[in-house]
PDB file of N, CA and C in Angstrom:
ATOM      1  N   UNK A   1       0.753  -1.343  -0.163  1.00  0.00           N
ATOM      2  CA  UNK A   1       0.018  -0.001   0.010  1.00  0.00           C
ATOM      3  C   UNK A   1       0.884   1.048  -0.111  1.00  0.00           C
ATOM      4  N   UNK A   2       0.379   2.315  -0.805  1.00  0.00           N
ATOM      5  CA  UNK A   2       1.248   3.562  -0.886  1.00  0.00           C
ATOM      6  C   UNK A   2       0.721   4.511   0.094  1.00  0.00           C
ATOM      7  N   UNK A   3       1.924   5.251   0.629  1.00  0.00           N
ATOM      8  CA  UNK A   3       1.714   6.422   1.319  1.00  0.00           C
ATOM      9  C   UNK A   3       0.973   7.590   0.907  1.00  0.00           C
ATOM     10  N   UNK A   4       0.875   7.742  -0.414  1.00  0.00           N
ATOM     11  CA  UNK A   4       0.206   8.901  -1.203  1.00  0.00           C
ATOM     12  C   UNK A   4      -1.527   8.604  -1.132  1.00  0.00           C
ATOM     13  N   UNK A   5      -1.884   7.565  -0.865  1.00  0.00           N
ATOM     14  CA  UNK A   5      -3.411   7.118  -1.209  1.00  0.00           C
ATOM     15  C   UNK A   5      -4.309   8.064  -0.398  1.00  0.00           C
ATOM     16  N   UNK A   6      -3.796   8.448   0.663  1.00  0.00           N
ATOM     17  CA  UNK A   6      -4.782   9.504   1.566  1.00  0.00           C
ATOM     18  C   UNK A   6      -5.073  10.584   1.015  1.00  0.00           C
ATOM     19  N   UNK A   7      -3.762  11.365   0.811  1.00  0.00           N
ATOM     20  CA  UNK A   7      -3.934  12.814   0.453  1.00  0.00           C
ATOM     21  C   UNK A   7      -2.886  13.223  -0.604  1.00  0.00           C
ATOM     22  N   UNK A   8      -3.301  14.107  -1.278  1.00  0.00           N
ATOM     23  CA  UNK A   8      -2.511  14.690  -2.322  1.00  0.00           C
ATOM     24  C   UNK A   8      -1.000  15.515  -1.833  1.00  0.00           C
ATOM     25  N   UNK A   9      -0.164  15.821  -2.603  1.00  0.00           N
ATOM     26  CA  UNK A   9       0.901  16.708  -1.971  1.00  0.00           C
ATOM     27  C   UNK A   9       0.463  18.239  -1.595  1.00  0.00           C
ATOM     28  N   UNK A  10      -0.701  18.894  -2.507  1.00  0.00           N
ATOM     29  CA  UNK A  10      -1.234  20.078  -2.392  1.00  0.00           C
ATOM     30  C   UNK A  10      -1.988  20.018  -0.924  1.00  0.00           C
ATOM     31  N   UNK A  11      -2.726  18.863  -0.593  1.00  0.00           N
ATOM     32  CA  UNK A  11      -3.634  18.940   0.729  1.00  0.00           C
ATOM     33  C   UNK A  11      -2.657  18.871   1.779  1.00  0.00           C
ATOM     34  N   UNK A  12      -1.655  18.222   1.683  1.00  0.00           N
ATOM     35  CA  UNK A  12      -0.665  18.111   2.996  1.00  0.00           C
ATOM     36  C   UNK A  12       0.034  19.416   3.149  1.00  0.00           C
ATOM     37  N   UNK A  13       0.448  20.186   1.901  1.00  0.00           N
ATOM     38  CA  UNK A  13       1.021  21.435   2.113  1.00  0.00           C
ATOM     39  C   UNK A  13       0.113  22.454   2.810  1.00  0.00           C
ATOM     40  N   UNK A  14      -1.138  22.636   2.079  1.00  0.00           N
ATOM     41  CA  UNK A  14      -1.902  23.481   2.812  1.00  0.00           C
ATOM     42  C   UNK A  14      -2.317  23.046   4.181  1.00  0.00           C
ATOM     43  N   UNK A  15      -2.157  21.734   4.619  1.00  0.00           N
ATOM     44  CA  UNK A  15      -2.577  21.366   6.024  1.00  0.00           C
ATOM     45  C   UNK A  15      -1.379  21.818   6.758  1.00  0.00           C
ATOM     46  N   UNK A  16      -0.276  21.637   6.439  1.00  0.00           N
ATOM     47  CA  UNK A  16       1.008  21.824   7.092  1.00  0.00           C
ATOM     48  C   UNK A  16       1.000  23.620   7.435  1.00  0.00           C
ATOM     49  N   UNK A  17       0.624  24.438   6.405  1.00  0.00           N
ATOM     50  CA  UNK A  17       0.311  26.009   6.815  1.00  0.00           C
ATOM     51  C   UNK A  17      -0.627  26.144   7.756  1.00  0.00           C
ATOM     52  N   UNK A  18      -1.771  25.451   7.494  1.00  0.00           N
ATOM     53  CA  UNK A  18      -2.846  25.528   8.377  1.00  0.00           C
ATOM     54  C   UNK A  18      -2.413  25.472   9.950  1.00  0.00           C
ATOM     55  N   UNK A  19      -1.571  24.069  10.016  1.00  0.00           N
ATOM     56  CA  UNK A  19      -1.245  23.954  11.578  1.00  0.00           C
ATOM     57  C   UNK A  19       0.036  24.934  12.017  1.00  0.00           C
ATOM     58  N   UNK A  20       0.783  25.433  11.029  1.00  0.00           N
ATOM     59  CA  UNK A  20       1.947  26.366  11.498  1.00  0.00           C
ATOM     60  C   UNK A  20       1.172  27.615  11.655  1.00  0.00           C
ATOM     61  N   UNK A  21      -0.083  28.151  11.039  1.00  0.00           N
ATOM     62  CA  UNK A  21      -0.320  29.421  11.337  1.00  0.00           C
ATOM     63  C   UNK A  21      -1.302  29.286  12.772  1.00  0.00           C
ATOM     64  N   UNK A  22      -1.815  28.063  12.967  1.00  0.00           N
ATOM     65  CA  UNK A  22      -2.752  28.070  14.106  1.00  0.00           C
ATOM     66  C   UNK A  22      -1.751  27.808  15.319  1.00  0.00           C
ATOM     67  N   UNK A  23      -0.791  27.222  15.336  1.00  0.00           N
ATOM     68  CA  UNK A  23       0.290  27.044  16.135  1.00  0.00           C
ATOM     69  C   UNK A  23       1.128  28.542  16.609  1.00  0.00           C
ATOM     70  N   UNK A  24       0.992  29.186  15.505  1.00  0.00           N
ATOM     71  CA  UNK A  24       1.682  30.550  15.757  1.00  0.00           C
ATOM     72  C   UNK A  24       0.890  31.419  16.762  1.00  0.00           C
ATOM     73  N   UNK A  25      -0.520  31.545  16.099  1.00  0.00           N
ATOM     74  CA  UNK A  25      -1.438  32.129  17.079  1.00  0.00           C
ATOM     75  C   UNK A  25      -1.651  31.647  18.482  1.00  0.00           C
ATOM     76  N   UNK A  26      -1.610  30.242  18.545  1.00  0.00           N
ATOM     77  CA  UNK A  26      -1.570  29.786  20.075  1.00  0.00           C
ATOM     78  C   UNK A  26      -0.364  30.182  20.749  1.00  0.00           C
ATOM     79  N   UNK A  27       0.695  30.187  20.296  1.00  0.00           N
ATOM     80  CA  UNK A  27       1.992  30.716  20.829  1.00  0.00           C
ATOM     81  C   UNK A  27       2.010  32.102  21.411  1.00  0.00           C
ATOM     82  N   UNK A  28       1.439  33.002  20.557  1.00  0.00           N
ATOM     83  CA  UNK A  28       1.424  34.365  20.660  1.00  0.00           C
ATOM     84  C   UNK A  28       0.193  34.668  21.598  1.00  0.00           C
ATOM     85  N   UNK A  29      -0.886  33.842  21.697  1.00  0.00           N
ATOM     86  CA  UNK A  29      -1.829  33.983  22.595  1.00  0.00           C
ATOM     87  C   UNK A  29      -1.278  33.557  24.003  1.00  0.00           C
ATOM     88  N   UNK A  30      -0.687  32.787  24.099  1.00  0.00           N
ATOM     89  CA  UNK A  30      -0.008  31.970  25.394  1.00  0.00           C
ATOM     90  C   UNK A  30       0.771  32.995  25.994  1.00  0.00           C
ATOM     91  N   UNK A  31       1.630  33.712  25.173  1.00  0.00           N
ATOM     92  CA  UNK A  31       2.682  34.924  25.543  1.00  0.00           C
ATOM     93  C   UNK A  31       1.800  35.985  26.181  1.00  0.00           C
ATOM     94  N   UNK A  32       0.761  36.336  25.200  1.00  0.00           N
ATOM     95  CA  UNK A  32      -0.202  37.535  25.632  1.00  0.00           C
ATOM     96  C   UNK A  32      -0.835  37.140  26.858  1.00  0.00           C
ATOM     97  N   UNK A  33      -1.181  36.320  27.258  1.00  0.00           N
ATOM     98  CA  UNK A  33      -1.915  35.901  28.423  1.00  0.00           C
ATOM     99  C   UNK A  33      -0.922  35.862  29.712  1.00  0.00           C
ATOM    100  N   UNK A  34       0.328  35.187  29.549  1.00  0.00           N
ATOM    101  CA  UNK A  34       1.107  35.380  30.449  1.00  0.00           C
ATOM    102  C   UNK A  34       1.530  36.712  30.783  1.00  0.00           C
ATOM    103  N   UNK A  35       1.645  37.785  29.920  1.00  0.00           N
ATOM    104  CA  UNK A  35       2.047  39.028  30.372  1.00  0.00           C
ATOM    105  C   UNK A  35       0.847  39.612  30.956  1.00  0.00           C
ATOM    106  N   UNK A  36      -0.432  39.411  30.475  1.00  0.00           N
ATOM    107  CA  UNK A  36      -1.676  40.151  31.106  1.00  0.00           C
ATOM    108  C   UNK A  36      -1.734  39.657  32.621  1.00  0.00           C
ATOM    109  N   UNK A  37      -1.562  38.486  32.976  1.00  0.00           N
ATOM    110  CA  UNK A  37      -1.487  37.889  34.053  1.00  0.00           C
ATOM    111  C   UNK A  37      -0.681  38.195  35.175  1.00  0.00           C
ATOM    112  N   UNK A  38       0.531  38.715  34.796  1.00  0.00           N
ATOM    113  CA  UNK A  38       1.750  38.853  35.470  1.00  0.00           C
ATOM    114  C   UNK A  38       1.556  40.149  36.362  1.00  0.00           C
ATOM    115  N   UNK A  39       1.764  39.916  37.609  1.00  0.00           N
ATOM    116  CA  UNK A  39       1.577  41.133  38.534  1.00  0.00           C
ATOM    117  C   UNK A  39       2.708  42.014  38.782  1.00  0.00           C
ATOM    118  N   UNK A  40       2.130  43.304  38.778  1.00  0.00           N
ATOM    119  CA  UNK A  40       3.148  44.397  38.436  1.00  0.00           C
ATOM    120  C   UNK A  40       3.090  45.052  40.036  1.00  0.00           C
ATOM    121  N   UNK A  41       4.061  44.954  40.669  1.00  0.00           N
ATOM    122  CA  UNK A  41       3.916  45.762  42.123  1.00  0.00           C
ATOM    123  C   UNK A  41       3.850  47.035  42.041  1.00  0.00           C
ATOM    124  N   UNK A  42       3.174  47.406  43.269  1.00  0.00           N
ATOM    125  CA  UNK A  42       2.753  48.948  43.280  1.00  0.00           C
ATOM    126  C   UNK A  42       3.727  49.830  43.767  1.00  0.00           C
ATOM    127  N   UNK A  43       3.860  51.051  43.258  1.00  0.00           N
ATOM    128  CA  UNK A  43       4.876  52.006  43.672  1.00  0.00           C
ATOM    129  C   UNK A  43       4.676  52.352  45.219  1.00  0.00           C
ATOM    130  N   UNK A  44       5.786  52.041  46.106  1.00  0.00           N
ATOM    131  CA  UNK A  44       5.422  52.317  47.329  1.00  0.00           C
ATOM    132  C   UNK A  44       6.169  53.683  47.781  1.00  0.00           C
ATOM    133  N   UNK A  45       5.721  54.196  48.928  1.00  0.00           N
ATOM    134  CA  UNK A  45       6.222  55.423  49.260  1.00  0.00           C
ATOM    135  C   UNK A  45       7.661  55.715  49.410  1.00  0.00           C
ATOM    136  N   UNK A  46       8.470  54.594  49.575  1.00  0.00           N
ATOM    137  CA  UNK A  46       9.764  54.849  49.652  1.00  0.00           C
ATOM    138  C   UNK A  46      10.557  55.132  48.233  1.00  0.00           C
ATOM    139  N   UNK A  47       9.857  54.550  47.394  1.00  0.00           N
ATOM    140  CA  UNK A  47      10.355  54.494  45.754  1.00  0.00           C
ATOM    141  C   UNK A  47       9.815  55.853  45.249  1.00  0.00           C
ATOM    142  N   UNK A  48       8.751  56.239  45.477  1.00  0.00           N
ATOM    143  CA  UNK A  48       8.162  57.792  45.096  1.00  0.00           C
ATOM    144  C   UNK A  48       9.047  58.648  45.712  1.00  0.00           C
ATOM    145  N   UNK A  49       9.497  58.609  46.980  1.00  0.00           N
ATOM    146  CA  UNK A  49      10.422  59.518  47.701  1.00  0.00           C
ATOM    147  C   UNK A  49      11.458  59.592  46.935  1.00  0.00           C
ATOM    148  N   UNK A  50      12.236  58.413  46.667  1.00  0.00           N
ATOM    149  CA  UNK A  50      13.334  58.658  45.949  1.00  0.00           C
ATOM    150  C   UNK A  50      13.384  58.901  44.717  1.00  0.00           C
ATOM    151  N   UNK A  51      12.335  58.819  43.898  1.00  0.00           N
ATOM    152  CA  UNK A  51      12.264  59.436  42.683  1.00  0.00           C
ATOM    153  C   UNK A  51      11.978  60.974  42.665  1.00  0.00           C
ATOM    154  N   UNK A  52      11.363  61.511  43.506  1.00  0.00           N
ATOM    155  CA  UNK A  52      11.309  62.824  43.798  1.00  0.00           C
ATOM    156  C   UNK A  52      12.708  63.495  44.202  1.00  0.00           C
ATOM    157  N   UNK A  53      13.434  62.897  44.813  1.00  0.00           N
ATOM    158  CA  UNK A  53      14.646  63.461  45.352  1.00  0.00           C
ATOM    159  C   UNK A  53      15.688  63.345  44.161  1.00  0.00           C
ATOM    160  N   UNK A  54      15.680  62.154  43.227  1.00  0.00           N
ATOM    161  CA  UNK A  54      16.467  62.293  42.260  1.00  0.00           C
ATOM    162  C   UNK A  54      16.093  63.441  41.081  1.00  0.00           C
ATOM    163  N   UNK A  55      14.624  63.538  41.180  1.00  0.00           N
ATOM    164  CA  UNK A  55      14.242  64.690  40.079  1.00  0.00           C
ATOM    165  C   UNK A  55      14.451  65.865  40.254  1.00  0.00           C
ATOM    166  N   UNK A  56      14.286  66.208  41.622  1.00  0.00           N
ATOM    167  CA  UNK A  56      14.726  67.535  42.283  1.00  0.00           C
ATOM    168  C   UNK A  56      16.354  67.887  41.869  1.00  0.00           C
ATOM    169  N   UNK A  57      17.247  66.813  42.375  1.00  0.00           N
ATOM    170  CA  UNK A  57      18.652  67.044  42.038  1.00  0.00           C
ATOM    171  C   UNK A  57      18.579  67.145  40.425  1.00  0.00           C
ATOM    172  N   UNK A  58      18.231  66.483  39.723  1.00  0.00           N
ATOM    173  CA  UNK A  58      18.436  66.731  38.197  1.00  0.00           C
ATOM    174  C   UNK A  58      17.944  68.206  37.894  1.00  0.00           C
ATOM    175  N   UNK A  59      16.921  68.465  38.432  1.00  0.00           N
ATOM    176  CA  UNK A  59      16.348  69.990  37.840  1.00  0.00           C
ATOM    177  C   UNK A  59      17.303  71.047  38.511  1.00  0.00           C
ATOM    178  N   UNK A  60      17.868  70.867  39.790  1.00  0.00           N
ATOM    179  CA  UNK A  60      18.787  71.843  40.233  1.00  0.00           C
ATOM    180  C   UNK A  60      19.938  71.890  39.330  1.00  0.00           C
ATOM    181  N   UNK A  61      20.419  70.712  39.116  1.00  0.00           N
ATOM    182  CA  UNK A  61      21.787  70.788  38.363  1.00  0.00           C
ATOM    183  C   UNK A  61      21.491  71.172  36.689  1.00  0.00           C
ATOM    184  N   UNK A  62      20.280  71.206  36.253  1.00  0.00           N
ATOM    185  CA  UNK A  62      20.027  71.752  34.754  1.00  0.00           C
ATOM    186  C   UNK A  62      19.978  73.133  34.980  1.00  0.00           C
ATOM    187  N   UNK A  63      19.319  73.461  36.012  1.00  0.00           N
ATOM    188  CA  UNK A  63      18.942  75.120  36.172  1.00  0.00           C
ATOM    189  C   UNK A  63      20.228  75.800  36.441  1.00  0.00           C
ATOM    190  N   UNK A  64      21.129  75.202  37.180  1.00  0.00           N
ATOM    191  CA  UNK A  64      22.291  75.896  37.234  1.00  0.00           C
ATOM    192  C   UNK A  64      23.477  75.870  36.437  1.00  0.00           C
ATOM    193  N   UNK A  65      23.059  74.710  35.347  1.00  0.00           N
ATOM    194  CA  UNK A  65      23.838  74.770  34.261  1.00  0.00           C
ATOM    195  C   UNK A  65      23.417  75.445  33.180  1.00  0.00           C
ATOM    196  N   UNK A  66      22.223  75.831  33.202  1.00  0.00           N
ATOM    197  CA  UNK A  66      21.322  76.782  32.201  1.00  0.00           C
ATOM    198  C   UNK A  66      21.731  78.238  32.453  1.00  0.00           C
ATOM    199  N   UNK A  67      22.051  78.649  33.808  1.00  0.00           N
ATOM    200  CA  UNK A  67      22.340  79.915  34.156  1.00  0.00           C
ATOM    201  C   UNK A  67      23.883  80.287  34.413  1.00  0.00           C
ATOM    202  N   UNK A  68      24.882  79.453  33.941  1.00  0.00           N
ATOM    203  CA  UNK A  68      26.346  79.913  33.982  1.00  0.00           C
ATOM    204  C   UNK A  68      26.732  80.168  32.574  1.00  0.00           C
ATOM    205  N   UNK A  69      27.838  80.739  32.591  1.00  0.00           N
ATOM    206  CA  UNK A  69      28.542  80.884  31.351  1.00  0.00           C
ATOM    207  C   UNK A  69      29.938  80.850  31.627  1.00  0.00           C
ATOM    208  N   UNK A  70      30.933  80.205  30.484  1.00  0.00           N
ATOM    209  CA  UNK A  70      32.248  79.989  30.315  1.00  0.00           C
ATOM    210  C   UNK A  70      32.717  80.088  28.977  1.00  0.00           C
ATOM    211  N   UNK A  71      33.883  80.142  29.005  1.00  0.00           N
ATOM    212  CA  UNK A  71      34.829  80.312  27.586  1.00  0.00           C
ATOM    213  C   UNK A  71      35.053  78.596  27.529  1.00  0.00           C
ATOM    214  N   UNK A  72      34.674  78.214  26.149  1.00  0.00           N
ATOM    215  CA  UNK A  72      34.711  76.874  25.792  1.00  0.00           C
ATOM    216  C   UNK A  72      36.532  76.671  25.604  1.00  0.00           C
ATOM    217  N   UNK A  73      36.892  75.772  26.497  1.00  0.00           N
ATOM    218  CA  UNK A  73      38.234  75.358  26.334  1.00  0.00           C
ATOM    219  C   UNK A  73      38.693  74.890  25.113  1.00  0.00           C
ATOM    220  N   UNK A  74      37.554  74.162  24.583  1.00  0.00           N
ATOM    221  CA  UNK A  74      38.004  73.437  23.292  1.00  0.00           C
ATOM    222  C   UNK A  74      37.805  74.005  22.094  1.00  0.00           C
ATOM    223  N   UNK A  75      37.292  75.030  22.073  1.00  0.00           N
ATOM    224  CA  UNK A  75      37.075  75.808  20.852  1.00  0.00           C
ATOM    225  C   UNK A  75      37.600  77.410  21.069  1.00  0.00           C
ATOM    226  N   UNK A  76      38.283  77.607  20.051  1.00  0.00           N
ATOM    227  CA  UNK A  76      38.663  78.963  20.154  1.00  0.00           C
ATOM    228  C   UNK A  76      37.697  80.253  19.589  1.00  0.00           C
ATOM    229  N   UNK A  77      37.617  81.163  20.452  1.00  0.00           N
ATOM    230  CA  UNK A  77      36.695  82.125  20.521  1.00  0.00           C
ATOM    231  C   UNK A  77      35.136  81.864  20.300  1.00  0.00           C
ATOM    232  N   UNK A  78      35.001  80.726  21.154  1.00  0.00           N
ATOM    233  CA  UNK A  78      33.679  80.385  21.597  1.00  0.00           C
ATOM    234  C   UNK A  78      33.301  80.327  23.103  1.00  0.00           C
ATOM    235  N   UNK A  79      32.136  81.031  23.532  1.00  0.00           N
ATOM    236  CA  UNK A  79      31.898  81.160  24.922  1.00  0.00           C
ATOM    237  C   UNK A  79      30.648  80.326  24.907  1.00  0.00           C
ATOM    238  N   UNK A  80      30.323  79.779  26.083  1.00  0.00           N
ATOM    239  CA  UNK A  80      28.995  79.341  26.509  1.00  0.00           C
ATOM    240  C   UNK A  80      28.186  80.391  27.479  1.00  0.00           C
ATOM    241  N   UNK A  81      26.842  80.904  26.837  1.00  0.00           N
ATOM    242  CA  UNK A  81      26.045  81.572  27.546  1.00  0.00           C
ATOM    243  C   UNK A  81      25.036  81.291  28.231  1.00  0.00           C
ATOM    244  N   UNK A  82      24.815  82.197  29.298  1.00  0.00           N
ATOM    245  CA  UNK A  82      23.387  81.499  30.078  1.00  0.00           C
ATOM    246  C   UNK A  82      22.295  81.647  29.214  1.00  0.00           C
ATOM    247  N   UNK A  83      21.087  81.205  29.247  1.00  0.00           N
ATOM    248  CA  UNK A  83      20.127  81.165  28.396  1.00  0.00           C
ATOM    249  C   UNK A  83      19.550  82.645  28.340  1.00  0.00           C
ATOM    250  N   UNK A  84      19.563  83.421  29.647  1.00  0.00           N
ATOM    251  CA  UNK A  84      18.932  84.811  29.732  1.00  0.00           C
ATOM    252  C   UNK A  84      19.778  85.664  28.702  1.00  0.00           C
ATOM    253  N   UNK A  85      21.195  85.497  29.154  1.00  0.00           N
ATOM    254  CA  UNK A  85      21.930  86.443  27.889  1.00  0.00           C
ATOM    255  C   UNK A  85      21.841  85.929  26.680  1.00  0.00           C
ATOM    256  N   UNK A  86      21.710  84.774  26.200  1.00  0.00           N
ATOM    257  CA  UNK A  86      21.639  84.356  24.883  1.00  0.00           C
ATOM    258  C   UNK A  86      20.515  84.966  24.325  1.00  0.00           C
ATOM    259  N   UNK A  87      19.181  84.922  25.143  1.00  0.00           N
ATOM    260  CA  UNK A  87      18.141  85.413  24.544  1.00  0.00           C
ATOM    261  C   UNK A  87      18.234  87.113  24.331  1.00  0.00           C
ATOM    262  N   UNK A  88      19.042  87.873  25.198  1.00  0.00           N
ATOM    263  CA  UNK A  88      19.160  89.141  25.045  1.00  0.00           C
ATOM    264  C   UNK A  88      20.085  89.501  23.730  1.00  0.00           C
ATOM    265  N   UNK A  89      21.062  88.722  23.633  1.00  0.00           N
ATOM    266  CA  UNK A  89      21.847  88.855  22.403  1.00  0.00           C
ATOM    267  C   UNK A  89      21.075  88.808  21.143  1.00  0.00           C
ATOM    268  N   UNK A  90      20.236  87.669  20.996  1.00  0.00           N
ATOM    269  CA  UNK A  90      19.570  87.502  19.876  1.00  0.00           C
ATOM    270  C   UNK A  90      18.581  88.530  19.414  1.00  0.00           C
ATOM    271  N   UNK A  91      17.834  88.818  20.604  1.00  0.00           N
ATOM    272  CA  UNK A  91      17.111  89.951  20.390  1.00  0.00           C
ATOM    273  C   UNK A  91      17.537  91.055  19.904  1.00  0.00           C
ATOM    274  N   UNK A  92      18.715  91.441  20.557  1.00  0.00           N
ATOM    275  CA  UNK A  92      19.525  92.785  20.258  1.00  0.00           C
ATOM    276  C   UNK A  92      19.943  92.629  18.829  1.00  0.00           C
ATOM    277  N   UNK A  93      20.274  91.367  18.145  1.00  0.00           N
ATOM    278  CA  UNK A  93      20.926  91.296  16.619  1.00  0.00           C
ATOM    279  C   UNK A  93      19.512  91.345  15.880  1.00  0.00           C
ATOM    280  N   UNK A  94      18.491  90.595  16.030  1.00  0.00           N
ATOM    281  CA  UNK A  94      17.508  90.578  15.426  1.00  0.00           C
ATOM    282  C   UNK A  94      16.691  91.662  15.244  1.00  0.00           C
ATOM    283  N   UNK A  95      16.449  92.529  16.233  1.00  0.00           N
ATOM    284  CA  UNK A  95      15.422  93.582  16.307  1.00  0.00           C
ATOM    285  C   UNK A  95      15.815  94.569  15.220  1.00  0.00           C
ATOM    286  N   UNK A  96      17.049  94.643  14.804  1.00  0.00           N
ATOM    287  CA  UNK A  96      17.530  95.652  13.914  1.00  0.00           C
ATOM    288  C   UNK A  96      16.838  95.506  12.335  1.00  0.00           C
ATOM    289  N   UNK A  97      16.722  94.148  12.217  1.00  0.00           N
ATOM    290  CA  UNK A  97      16.241  93.530  10.985  1.00  0.00           C
ATOM    291  C   UNK A  97      16.764  92.387  10.685  1.00  0.00           C
ATOM    292  N   UNK A  98      15.597  91.514   9.827  1.00  0.00           N
ATOM    293  CA  UNK A  98      16.096  90.279   9.749  1.00  0.00           C
ATOM    294  C   UNK A  98      17.140  89.971   8.850  1.00  0.00           C
ATOM    295  N   UNK A  99      17.424  90.832   7.968  1.00  0.00           N
ATOM    296  CA  UNK A  99      18.566  90.752   6.922  1.00  0.00           C
ATOM    297  C   UNK A  99      20.147  90.839   7.676  1.00  0.00           C
ATOM    298  N   UNK A 100      20.044  91.962   8.448  1.00  0.00           N
ATOM    299  CA  UNK A 100      21.158  91.948   9.083  1.00  0.00           C
ATOM    300  C   UNK A 100      21.477  90.756  10.174  1.00  0.00           C
ATOM    301  N   UNK A 101      20.454  90.298  10.894  1.00  0.00           N
ATOM    302  CA  UNK A 101      20.859  89.253  11.927  1.00  0.00           C
ATOM    303  C   UNK A 101      21.100  87.864  11.248  1.00  0.00           C
ATOM    304  N   UNK A 102      20.545  87.775   9.949  1.00  0.00           N
ATOM    305  CA  UNK A 102      20.579  86.659   9.282  1.00  0.00           C
ATOM    306  C   UNK A 102      22.112  86.673   8.704  1.00  0.00           C
ATOM    307  N   UNK A 103      22.414  87.707   8.343  1.00  0.00           N
ATOM    308  CA  UNK A 103      24.109  88.064   7.741  1.00  0.00           C
ATOM    309  C   UNK A 103      24.929  87.615   8.918  1.00  0.00           C
ATOM    310  N   UNK A 104      24.909  88.014  10.157  1.00  0.00           N
ATOM    311  CA  UNK A 104      25.517  87.810  11.146  1.00  0.00           C
ATOM    312  C   UNK A 104      25.533  86.407  11.584  1.00  0.00           C
ATOM    313  N   UNK A 105      24.386  85.804  11.543  1.00  0.00           N
ATOM    314  CA  UNK A 105      24.303  84.291  11.815  1.00  0.00           C
ATOM    315  C   UNK A 105      25.048  83.469  10.736  1.00  0.00           C
ATOM    316  N   UNK A 106      24.878  83.684   9.508  1.00  0.00           N
ATOM    317  CA  UNK A 106      25.707  82.799   8.642  1.00  0.00           C
ATOM    318  C   UNK A 106      27.267  83.499   8.656  1.00  0.00           C
ATOM    319  N   UNK A 107      27.722  84.683   9.075  1.00  0.00           N
ATOM    320  CA  UNK A 107      29.099  84.833   9.141  1.00  0.00           C
ATOM    321  C   UNK A 107      29.588  84.092  10.612  1.00  0.00           C
ATOM    322  N   UNK A 108      28.948  83.981  11.420  1.00  0.00           N
ATOM    323  CA  UNK A 108      29.367  83.136  12.658  1.00  0.00           C
ATOM    324  C   UNK A 108      29.429  81.512  12.160  1.00  0.00           C
ATOM    325  N   UNK A 109      28.447  81.113  11.306  1.00  0.00           N
ATOM    326  CA  UNK A 109      28.302  79.825  10.878  1.00  0.00           C
ATOM    327  C   UNK A 109      29.590  79.394  10.077  1.00  0.00           C
ATOM    328  N   UNK A 110      30.043  80.455   9.143  1.00  0.00           N
ATOM    329  CA  UNK A 110      31.159  80.142   8.389  1.00  0.00           C
ATOM    330  C   UNK A 110      32.332  80.112   9.017  1.00  0.00           C
ATOM    331  N   UNK A 111      32.699  80.829  10.002  1.00  0.00           N
ATOM    332  CA  UNK A 111      33.808  81.132  10.711  1.00  0.00           C
ATOM    333  C   UNK A 111      33.975  79.915  11.569  1.00  0.00           C
ATOM    334  N   UNK A 112      32.640  79.057  12.224  1.00  0.00           N
ATOM    335  CA  UNK A 112      32.914  78.238  13.100  1.00  0.00           C
ATOM    336  C   UNK A 112      33.310  76.965  12.001  1.00  0.00           C
ATOM    337  N   UNK A 113      33.003  76.836  10.798  1.00  0.00           N
ATOM    338  CA  UNK A 113      33.568  75.710   9.798  1.00  0.00           C
ATOM    339  C   UNK A 113      34.833  75.949   9.460  1.00  0.00           C
ATOM    340  N   UNK A 114      35.572  76.858   9.555  1.00  0.00           N
ATOM    341  CA  UNK A 114      36.879  77.186   9.094  1.00  0.00           C
ATOM    342  C   UNK A 114      37.664  76.214  10.046  1.00  0.00           C
ATOM    343  N   UNK A 115      38.724  75.659   9.268  1.00  0.00           N
ATOM    344  CA  UNK A 115      39.544  74.652   9.912  1.00  0.00           C
ATOM    345  C   UNK A 115      41.190  75.316   9.737  1.00  0.00           C
ATOM    346  N   UNK A 116      41.520  75.225  11.361  1.00  0.00           N
ATOM    347  CA  UNK A 116      42.688  76.068  11.547  1.00  0.00           C
ATOM    348  C   UNK A 116      43.873  75.593  10.854  1.00  0.00           C
ATOM    349  N   UNK A 117      44.665  76.231  10.366  1.00  0.00           N
ATOM    350  CA  UNK A 117      45.703  75.800   9.447  1.00  0.00           C
ATOM    351  C   UNK A 117      47.168  76.139  10.376  1.00  0.00           C
ATOM    352  N   UNK A 118      47.689  75.078  10.323  1.00  0.00           N
ATOM    353  CA  UNK A 118      48.982  74.987  11.253  1.00  0.00           C
ATOM    354  C   UNK A 118      50.340  75.133  10.611  1.00  0.00           C
ATOM    355  N   UNK A 119      50.188  75.796   9.473  1.00  0.00           N
ATOM    356  CA  UNK A 119      51.415  75.788   8.543  1.00  0.00           C
ATOM    357  C   UNK A 119      52.187  76.863   8.783  1.00  0.00           C
TER     358      UNK A 119
END
């Protein structure tokens, strides 16, 4: 008796695809069920206090960083300004007219792209 008497090759291929797709859905469903059923611990007051303390420290450091200025040691003729001072300079340059402000901006951009020659 031959093995091919029951089903044709095409029927076996379609059956294999069907079993593969059904198995895939079952695996994904089981994983989703496992994730949904997993218990998530509640945030306790100690963790909340720790997060608040870290957030406060980060905010203070960022505020202190934004309000200081310094000369950049890595780049020649560059300074790091505070946010307030940078806004003042921007308004002063652009209040005269957008053409003049744009020209100064392009001039600074070109000067920052120049490569120093050591010859």
